[in-house]
Amino acid sequence: MLTVEALVLQQDDFRLAADWSVGAGERVALIGPSGAGKSTLLMALAGFIAPAQGRVLWQGDDLAAVAPGQRPMTILFQDQNLFPHLTLAQNLGLGLSPRLRLTPVQVAQIDTALARVGLGGMGARKPGQLSGGQQGRAALARALLRARPVLLLDEPFAALGPALKAEMLDLLDEVATETGATVLMVTHDPSDAKRFAGKTVLVADGVAQPPVLTAALFASPPQALIDYLGQ
């Protein structure tokens, strides 16, 4: 279980509070106005931002002293975190060995992960030789390879068209199922939340509200969500 316990994130005039838990294997969307703190919350969970108050817990253990790279999490950003000067296989290999000293078993694991997401035989290509959809697949292959119990996504498919984005959300669902990962995904698109996430966190007015059933939230939206959606 992932828990944000009386968490407060604060910087200058910005303040965000959260106090809730997400169960293992759950898929949760984070939605709300730009600047409300959705990405900031993910960064705090991943260990890149220290909370002003409260704690981030995984399975009851406080992660305050755990460095970002050692936390039980993989985080994907919109740019997919791919290094342009490295091949696709090398980008994935960084998740297994920071110095890219890969064993034959690890090389085989990379090939298997690439094949799983439809990129078999493309390990020698660099990110600039891939389409946006292929870069998204590569990022999911890395998540599959790392198999961390929590997967954080900050609008990783926002630049894709509707059909391709839907395809990537379905692939994300498959990867999360295979790894058993708890998934928190930032999105500005209600259709993303409805397609992928069983629960949704509304981030608005300085609070990341506890997760609620996605269908129920959109069926009877609170005023903050109505204002955001422009309904």
C-alpha atoms as a PDB file:
ATOM      1  CA  MET A   1       0.000   0.000   0.000  1.00  0.00           C
ATOM      2  CA  LEU A   2       1.195   3.491  -0.893  1.00  0.00           C
ATOM      3  CA  THR A   3       0.273   6.113   1.698  1.00  0.00           C
ATOM      4  CA  VAL A   4       0.599   9.874   1.847  1.00  0.00           C
ATOM      5  CA  GLU A   5       0.184  10.620   5.541  1.00  0.00           C
ATOM      6  CA  ALA A   6      -0.759  14.198   6.443  1.00  0.00           C
ATOM      7  CA  LEU A   7       1.489  15.258   3.555  1.00  0.00           C
ATOM      8  CA  VAL A   8       2.072  18.957   2.916  1.00  0.00           C
ATOM      9  CA  LEU A   9       4.114  20.249  -0.011  1.00  0.00           C
ATOM     10  CA  GLN A  10       4.962  23.920   0.156  1.00  0.00           C
ATOM     11  CA  GLN A  11       7.066  26.400  -1.773  1.00  0.00           C
ATOM     12  CA  ASP A  12       6.520  30.171  -1.681  1.00  0.00           C
ATOM     13  CA  ASP A  13       2.777  30.692  -2.317  1.00  0.00           C
ATOM     14  CA  PHE A  14       2.191  27.090  -3.411  1.00  0.00           C
ATOM     15  CA  ARG A  15       0.744  24.614  -0.911  1.00  0.00           C
ATOM     16  CA  LEU A  16      -0.699  21.152  -1.458  1.00  0.00           C
ATOM     17  CA  ALA A  17      -2.062  18.793   1.185  1.00  0.00           C
ATOM     18  CA  ALA A  18      -2.861  15.083   0.830  1.00  0.00           C
ATOM     19  CA  ASP A  19      -3.813  12.338   3.272  1.00  0.00           C
ATOM     20  CA  TRP A  20      -4.841   8.989   1.761  1.00  0.00           C
ATOM     21  CA  SER A  21      -3.724   5.536   0.650  1.00  0.00           C
ATOM     22  CA  VAL A  22      -3.721   3.542  -2.581  1.00  0.00           C
ATOM     23  CA  GLY A  23      -3.863  -0.242  -2.515  1.00  0.00           C
ATOM     24  CA  ALA A  24      -1.463  -2.558  -4.303  1.00  0.00           C
ATOM     25  CA  GLY A  25      -2.286  -2.980  -7.982  1.00  0.00           C
ATOM     26  CA  GLU A  26      -4.763  -0.093  -8.133  1.00  0.00           C
ATOM     27  CA  ARG A  27      -4.872   2.263 -11.122  1.00  0.00           C
ATOM     28  CA  VAL A  28      -5.411   5.865 -10.095  1.00  0.00           C
ATOM     29  CA  ALA A  29      -5.666   8.998 -12.229  1.00  0.00           C
ATOM     30  CA  LEU A  30      -4.779  12.472 -10.957  1.00  0.00           C
ATOM     31  CA  ILE A  31      -6.773  15.240 -12.604  1.00  0.00           C
ATOM     32  CA  GLY A  32      -7.215  18.947 -11.998  1.00  0.00           C
ATOM     33  CA  PRO A  33      -6.239  22.424 -13.184  1.00  0.00           C
ATOM     34  CA  SER A  34      -2.764  23.265 -14.438  1.00  0.00           C
ATOM     35  CA  GLY A  35      -0.572  24.383 -11.566  1.00  0.00           C
ATOM     36  CA  ALA A  36      -2.695  22.627  -8.953  1.00  0.00           C
ATOM     37  CA  GLY A  37       0.175  20.334  -7.963  1.00  0.00           C
ATOM     38  CA  LYS A  38      -0.382  17.023  -9.755  1.00  0.00           C
ATOM     39  CA  SER A  39       3.169  16.736 -11.074  1.00  0.00           C
ATOM     40  CA  THR A  40       4.571  18.123  -7.831  1.00  0.00           C
ATOM     41  CA  LEU A  41       2.850  15.335  -5.922  1.00  0.00           C
ATOM     42  CA  LEU A  42       4.404  12.701  -8.186  1.00  0.00           C
ATOM     43  CA  MET A  43       7.822  14.277  -7.709  1.00  0.00           C
ATOM     44  CA  ALA A  44       7.364  14.123  -3.942  1.00  0.00           C
ATOM     45  CA  LEU A  45       6.351  10.479  -4.092  1.00  0.00           C
ATOM     46  CA  ALA A  46       9.419   9.711  -6.190  1.00  0.00           C
ATOM     47  CA  GLY A  47      11.679  11.503  -3.713  1.00  0.00           C
ATOM     48  CA  PHE A  48      12.693  14.527  -5.788  1.00  0.00           C
ATOM     49  CA  ILE A  49      10.836  16.990  -3.550  1.00  0.00           C
ATOM     50  CA  ALA A  50      10.945  16.878   0.237  1.00  0.00           C
ATOM     51  CA  PRO A  51       7.617  17.440   2.017  1.00  0.00           C
ATOM     52  CA  ALA A  52       7.212  20.331   4.417  1.00  0.00           C
ATOM     53  CA  GLN A  53       5.147  18.047   6.626  1.00  0.00           C
ATOM     54  CA  GLY A  54       3.955  14.452   6.700  1.00  0.00           C
ATOM     55  CA  ARG A  55       5.306  11.253   5.230  1.00  0.00           C
ATOM     56  CA  VAL A  56       5.276   9.021   2.164  1.00  0.00           C
ATOM     57  CA  LEU A  57       4.967   5.364   3.148  1.00  0.00           C
ATOM     58  CA  TRP A  58       5.271   2.157   1.168  1.00  0.00           C
ATOM     59  CA  GLN A  59       3.976  -0.971   2.887  1.00  0.00           C
ATOM     60  CA  GLY A  60       4.104   0.990   6.136  1.00  0.00           C
ATOM     61  CA  ASP A  61       7.777   1.987   5.770  1.00  0.00           C
ATOM     62  CA  ASP A  62       8.710   5.681   5.731  1.00  0.00           C
ATOM     63  CA  LEU A  63      10.560   6.548   2.491  1.00  0.00           C
ATOM     64  CA  ALA A  64      12.022   9.839   3.764  1.00  0.00           C
ATOM     65  CA  ALA A  65      15.578   8.483   3.940  1.00  0.00           C
ATOM     66  CA  VAL A  66      15.326   6.502   0.688  1.00  0.00           C
ATOM     67  CA  ALA A  67      16.989   8.075  -2.355  1.00  0.00           C
ATOM     68  CA  PRO A  68      14.882   8.432  -5.531  1.00  0.00           C
ATOM     69  CA  GLY A  69      16.746   5.684  -7.369  1.00  0.00           C
ATOM     70  CA  GLN A  70      16.227   3.280  -4.486  1.00  0.00           C
ATOM     71  CA  ARG A  71      12.497   3.870  -4.015  1.00  0.00           C
ATOM     72  CA  PRO A  72      10.091   1.159  -5.166  1.00  0.00           C
ATOM     73  CA  MET A  73       8.962   3.368  -8.038  1.00  0.00           C
ATOM     74  CA  THR A  74       9.436   4.043 -11.718  1.00  0.00           C
ATOM     75  CA  ILE A  75       8.430   7.485 -12.999  1.00  0.00           C
ATOM     76  CA  LEU A  76       7.709   8.341 -16.630  1.00  0.00           C
ATOM     77  CA  PHE A  77       7.469  11.896 -17.919  1.00  0.00           C
ATOM     78  CA  GLN A  78       5.998  13.280 -21.131  1.00  0.00           C
ATOM     79  CA  ASP A  79       9.424  13.253 -22.789  1.00  0.00           C
ATOM     80  CA  GLN A  80       9.733   9.552 -21.896  1.00  0.00           C
ATOM     81  CA  ASN A  81      13.117  10.027 -20.118  1.00  0.00           C
ATOM     82  CA  LEU A  82      15.039   8.652 -23.094  1.00  0.00           C
ATOM     83  CA  PHE A  83      18.641   9.775 -23.599  1.00  0.00           C
ATOM     84  CA  PRO A  84      19.000  10.810 -27.268  1.00  0.00           C
ATOM     85  CA  HIS A  85      22.662   9.755 -27.562  1.00  0.00           C
ATOM     86  CA  LEU A  86      21.991   6.181 -26.430  1.00  0.00           C
ATOM     87  CA  THR A  87      20.362   3.356 -28.327  1.00  0.00           C
ATOM     88  CA  LEU A  88      17.003   2.040 -27.265  1.00  0.00           C
ATOM     89  CA  ALA A  89      18.619  -1.046 -25.735  1.00  0.00           C
ATOM     90  CA  GLN A  90      21.091   1.114 -23.825  1.00  0.00           C
ATOM     91  CA  ASN A  91      18.302   3.342 -22.509  1.00  0.00           C
ATOM     92  CA  LEU A  92      16.545   0.280 -21.142  1.00  0.00           C
ATOM     93  CA  GLY A  93      19.816  -1.136 -19.872  1.00  0.00           C
ATOM     94  CA  LEU A  94      20.348   1.858 -17.599  1.00  0.00           C
ATOM     95  CA  GLY A  95      17.491   0.560 -15.483  1.00  0.00           C
ATOM     96  CA  LEU A  96      19.436  -2.640 -14.869  1.00  0.00           C
ATOM     97  CA  SER A  97      22.997  -1.327 -14.687  1.00  0.00           C
ATOM     98  CA  PRO A  98      23.809   2.421 -14.456  1.00  0.00           C
ATOM     99  CA  ARG A  99      27.206   1.710 -16.037  1.00  0.00           C
ATOM    100  CA  LEU A 100      25.663  -0.465 -18.745  1.00  0.00           C
ATOM    101  CA  ARG A 101      27.744  -3.465 -17.758  1.00  0.00           C
ATOM    102  CA  LEU A 102      25.066  -5.896 -18.807  1.00  0.00           C
ATOM    103  CA  THR A 103      25.192  -9.661 -18.483  1.00  0.00           C
ATOM    104  CA  PRO A 104      23.974 -11.903 -21.300  1.00  0.00           C
ATOM    105  CA  VAL A 105      20.880 -12.608 -19.201  1.00  0.00           C
ATOM    106  CA  GLN A 106      20.135  -8.879 -18.900  1.00  0.00           C
ATOM    107  CA  VAL A 107      20.627  -8.349 -22.632  1.00  0.00           C
ATOM    108  CA  ALA A 108      18.107 -11.114 -23.235  1.00  0.00           C
ATOM    109  CA  GLN A 109      15.702  -9.486 -20.768  1.00  0.00           C
ATOM    110  CA  ILE A 110      15.934  -6.216 -22.707  1.00  0.00           C
ATOM    111  CA  ASP A 111      15.192  -7.975 -25.992  1.00  0.00           C
ATOM    112  CA  THR A 112      12.205  -9.718 -24.398  1.00  0.00           C
ATOM    113  CA  ALA A 113      10.837  -6.447 -22.988  1.00  0.00           C
ATOM    114  CA  LEU A 114      11.171  -4.700 -26.353  1.00  0.00           C
ATOM    115  CA  ALA A 115       9.416  -7.557 -28.113  1.00  0.00           C
ATOM    116  CA  ARG A 116       6.632  -7.482 -25.520  1.00  0.00           C
ATOM    117  CA  VAL A 117       5.746  -3.868 -26.386  1.00  0.00           C
ATOM    118  CA  GLY A 118       6.032  -4.334 -30.143  1.00  0.00           C
ATOM    119  CA  LEU A 119       9.587  -3.035 -30.592  1.00  0.00           C
ATOM    120  CA  GLY A 120      11.360  -6.300 -31.293  1.00  0.00           C
ATOM    121  CA  GLY A 121      14.513  -5.823 -33.365  1.00  0.00           C
ATOM    122  CA  MET A 122      14.667  -2.067 -32.698  1.00  0.00           C
ATOM    123  CA  GLY A 123      17.183  -2.117 -29.853  1.00  0.00           C
ATOM    124  CA  ALA A 124      19.934  -0.514 -31.951  1.00  0.00           C
ATOM    125  CA  ARG A 125      17.841   2.536 -32.864  1.00  0.00           C
ATOM    126  CA  LYS A 126      18.171   5.866 -31.092  1.00  0.00           C
ATOM    127  CA  PRO A 127      15.152   7.779 -29.749  1.00  0.00           C
ATOM    128  CA  GLY A 128      15.305  10.284 -32.614  1.00  0.00           C
ATOM    129  CA  GLN A 129      14.643   7.424 -35.037  1.00  0.00           C
ATOM    130  CA  LEU A 130      11.416   6.478 -33.260  1.00  0.00           C
ATOM    131  CA  SER A 131       7.914   7.885 -33.579  1.00  0.00           C
ATOM    132  CA  GLY A 132       6.148   9.338 -30.556  1.00  0.00           C
ATOM    133  CA  GLY A 133       4.192   6.143 -30.112  1.00  0.00           C
ATOM    134  CA  GLN A 134       7.329   4.032 -30.331  1.00  0.00           C
ATOM    135  CA  GLN A 135       9.020   6.207 -27.706  1.00  0.00           C
ATOM    136  CA  GLY A 136       6.021   5.650 -25.448  1.00  0.00           C
ATOM    137  CA  ARG A 137       6.327   1.913 -25.987  1.00  0.00           C
ATOM    138  CA  ALA A 138      10.024   2.104 -25.135  1.00  0.00           C
ATOM    139  CA  ALA A 139       9.233   3.845 -21.858  1.00  0.00           C
ATOM    140  CA  LEU A 140       6.732   1.118 -20.992  1.00  0.00           C
ATOM    141  CA  ALA A 141       9.307  -1.539 -21.896  1.00  0.00           C
ATOM    142  CA  ARG A 142      11.644   0.016 -19.354  1.00  0.00           C
ATOM    143  CA  ALA A 143       8.890  -0.007 -16.732  1.00  0.00           C
ATOM    144  CA  LEU A 144       8.231  -3.654 -17.538  1.00  0.00           C
ATOM    145  CA  LEU A 145      11.928  -4.414 -17.234  1.00  0.00           C
ATOM    146  CA  ARG A 146      12.338  -2.623 -13.895  1.00  0.00           C
ATOM    147  CA  ALA A 147       9.137  -4.158 -12.508  1.00  0.00           C
ATOM    148  CA  ARG A 148       8.978  -1.732  -9.596  1.00  0.00           C
ATOM    149  CA  PRO A 149       5.793  -2.036  -7.514  1.00  0.00           C
ATOM    150  CA  VAL A 150       4.725   1.587  -8.127  1.00  0.00           C
ATOM    151  CA  LEU A 151       4.529   3.247 -11.542  1.00  0.00           C
ATOM    152  CA  LEU A 152       4.144   7.036 -11.688  1.00  0.00           C
ATOM    153  CA  LEU A 153       3.238   8.665 -15.008  1.00  0.00           C
ATOM    154  CA  ASP A 154       3.190  12.397 -15.706  1.00  0.00           C
ATOM    155  CA  GLU A 155       1.119  12.769 -18.890  1.00  0.00           C
ATOM    156  CA  PRO A 156       3.388  10.409 -20.845  1.00  0.00           C
ATOM    157  CA  PHE A 157       1.031  10.165 -23.832  1.00  0.00           C
ATOM    158  CA  ALA A 158      -0.290  13.737 -23.954  1.00  0.00           C
ATOM    159  CA  ALA A 159       1.373  14.482 -27.304  1.00  0.00           C
ATOM    160  CA  LEU A 160      -0.240  11.498 -29.039  1.00  0.00           C
ATOM    161  CA  GLY A 161      -3.427  11.524 -31.078  1.00  0.00           C
ATOM    162  CA  PRO A 162      -6.608  10.020 -29.585  1.00  0.00           C
ATOM    163  CA  ALA A 163      -6.381   6.598 -31.251  1.00  0.00           C
ATOM    164  CA  LEU A 164      -2.704   6.090 -30.485  1.00  0.00           C
ATOM    165  CA  LYS A 165      -3.151   7.360 -26.931  1.00  0.00           C
ATOM    166  CA  ALA A 166      -5.951   4.861 -26.361  1.00  0.00           C
ATOM    167  CA  GLU A 167      -3.692   2.109 -27.677  1.00  0.00           C
ATOM    168  CA  MET A 168      -0.923   3.156 -25.284  1.00  0.00           C
ATOM    169  CA  LEU A 169      -3.315   3.249 -22.323  1.00  0.00           C
ATOM    170  CA  ASP A 170      -4.357  -0.308 -23.109  1.00  0.00           C
ATOM    171  CA  LEU A 171      -0.705  -1.349 -23.318  1.00  0.00           C
ATOM    172  CA  LEU A 172      -0.055   0.405 -20.004  1.00  0.00           C
ATOM    173  CA  ASP A 173      -2.879  -1.618 -18.482  1.00  0.00           C
ATOM    174  CA  GLU A 174      -1.279  -4.825 -19.764  1.00  0.00           C
ATOM    175  CA  VAL A 175       2.168  -3.880 -18.413  1.00  0.00           C
ATOM    176  CA  ALA A 176       0.702  -2.937 -15.028  1.00  0.00           C
ATOM    177  CA  THR A 177      -1.142  -6.241 -14.884  1.00  0.00           C
ATOM    178  CA  GLU A 178       1.994  -8.213 -15.723  1.00  0.00           C
ATOM    179  CA  THR A 179       4.103  -6.448 -13.091  1.00  0.00           C
ATOM    180  CA  GLY A 180       1.340  -6.068 -10.499  1.00  0.00           C
ATOM    181  CA  ALA A 181       2.198  -2.378 -10.233  1.00  0.00           C
ATOM    182  CA  THR A 182       0.225   0.288  -8.461  1.00  0.00           C
ATOM    183  CA  VAL A 183      -0.210   3.072 -11.043  1.00  0.00           C
ATOM    184  CA  LEU A 184      -0.718   6.803 -10.482  1.00  0.00           C
ATOM    185  CA  MET A 185      -1.151   8.726 -13.729  1.00  0.00           C
ATOM    186  CA  VAL A 186      -1.428  12.493 -14.160  1.00  0.00           C
ATOM    187  CA  THR A 187      -3.758  13.494 -16.974  1.00  0.00           C
ATOM    188  CA  HIS A 188      -5.717  16.517 -18.158  1.00  0.00           C
ATOM    189  CA  ASP A 189      -8.080  14.368 -20.201  1.00  0.00           C
ATOM    190  CA  PRO A 190     -11.155  12.891 -18.454  1.00  0.00           C
ATOM    191  CA  SER A 191     -11.360  10.186 -21.127  1.00  0.00           C
ATOM    192  CA  ASP A 192      -7.924   8.909 -20.053  1.00  0.00           C
ATOM    193  CA  ALA A 193      -9.114   8.537 -16.481  1.00  0.00           C
ATOM    194  CA  LYS A 194     -12.333   6.833 -17.566  1.00  0.00           C
ATOM    195  CA  ARG A 195     -10.496   4.415 -19.858  1.00  0.00           C
ATOM    196  CA  PHE A 196      -7.679   3.409 -17.549  1.00  0.00           C
ATOM    197  CA  ALA A 197      -8.225   4.315 -13.901  1.00  0.00           C
ATOM    198  CA  GLY A 198     -10.611   2.642 -11.510  1.00  0.00           C
ATOM    199  CA  LYS A 199     -10.171   5.562  -9.135  1.00  0.00           C
ATOM    200  CA  THR A 200      -9.351   9.240  -9.574  1.00  0.00           C
ATOM    201  CA  VAL A 201      -7.766  11.876  -7.342  1.00  0.00           C
ATOM    202  CA  LEU A 202      -9.031  15.419  -7.863  1.00  0.00           C
ATOM    203  CA  VAL A 203      -6.229  17.933  -7.283  1.00  0.00           C
ATOM    204  CA  ALA A 204      -7.601  21.443  -6.815  1.00  0.00           C
ATOM    205  CA  ASP A 205      -7.681  24.333  -4.363  1.00  0.00           C
ATOM    206  CA  GLY A 206      -4.573  23.200  -2.507  1.00  0.00           C
ATOM    207  CA  VAL A 207      -5.759  19.654  -1.802  1.00  0.00           C
ATOM    208  CA  ALA A 208      -5.221  16.284  -3.480  1.00  0.00           C
ATOM    209  CA  GLN A 209      -8.504  14.693  -2.506  1.00  0.00           C
ATOM    210  CA  PRO A 210      -8.678  10.991  -1.529  1.00  0.00           C
ATOM    211  CA  PRO A 211      -9.174   8.634  -4.482  1.00  0.00           C
ATOM    212  CA  VAL A 212     -12.803   7.930  -5.397  1.00  0.00           C
ATOM    213  CA  LEU A 213     -14.354   5.692  -8.023  1.00  0.00           C
ATOM    214  CA  THR A 214     -13.757   7.314 -11.393  1.00  0.00           C
ATOM    215  CA  ALA A 215     -17.229   6.622 -12.743  1.00  0.00           C
ATOM    216  CA  ALA A 216     -18.878   8.068  -9.626  1.00  0.00           C
ATOM    217  CA  LEU A 217     -16.665  11.178  -9.680  1.00  0.00           C
ATOM    218  CA  PHE A 218     -17.595  12.099 -13.239  1.00  0.00           C
ATOM    219  CA  ALA A 219     -21.219  11.110 -12.805  1.00  0.00           C
ATOM    220  CA  SER A 220     -21.602  13.546  -9.916  1.00  0.00           C
ATOM    221  CA  PRO A 221     -18.645  15.958 -10.113  1.00  0.00           C
ATOM    222  CA  PRO A 222     -17.879  18.391  -7.292  1.00  0.00           C
ATOM    223  CA  GLN A 223     -17.816  22.091  -8.101  1.00  0.00           C
ATOM    224  CA  ALA A 224     -14.015  22.175  -8.454  1.00  0.00           C
ATOM    225  CA  LEU A 225     -14.183  19.506 -11.161  1.00  0.00           C
ATOM    226  CA  ILE A 226     -17.112  21.237 -12.885  1.00  0.00           C
ATOM    227  CA  ASP A 227     -15.084  24.463 -12.968  1.00  0.00           C
ATOM    228  CA  TYR A 228     -12.059  22.630 -14.378  1.00  0.00           C
ATOM    229  CA  LEU A 229     -14.030  20.828 -17.080  1.00  0.00           C
ATOM    230  CA  GLY A 230     -15.949  23.987 -17.972  1.00  0.00           C
ATOM    231  CA  GLN A 231     -19.310  22.344 -17.637  1.00  0.00           C
END
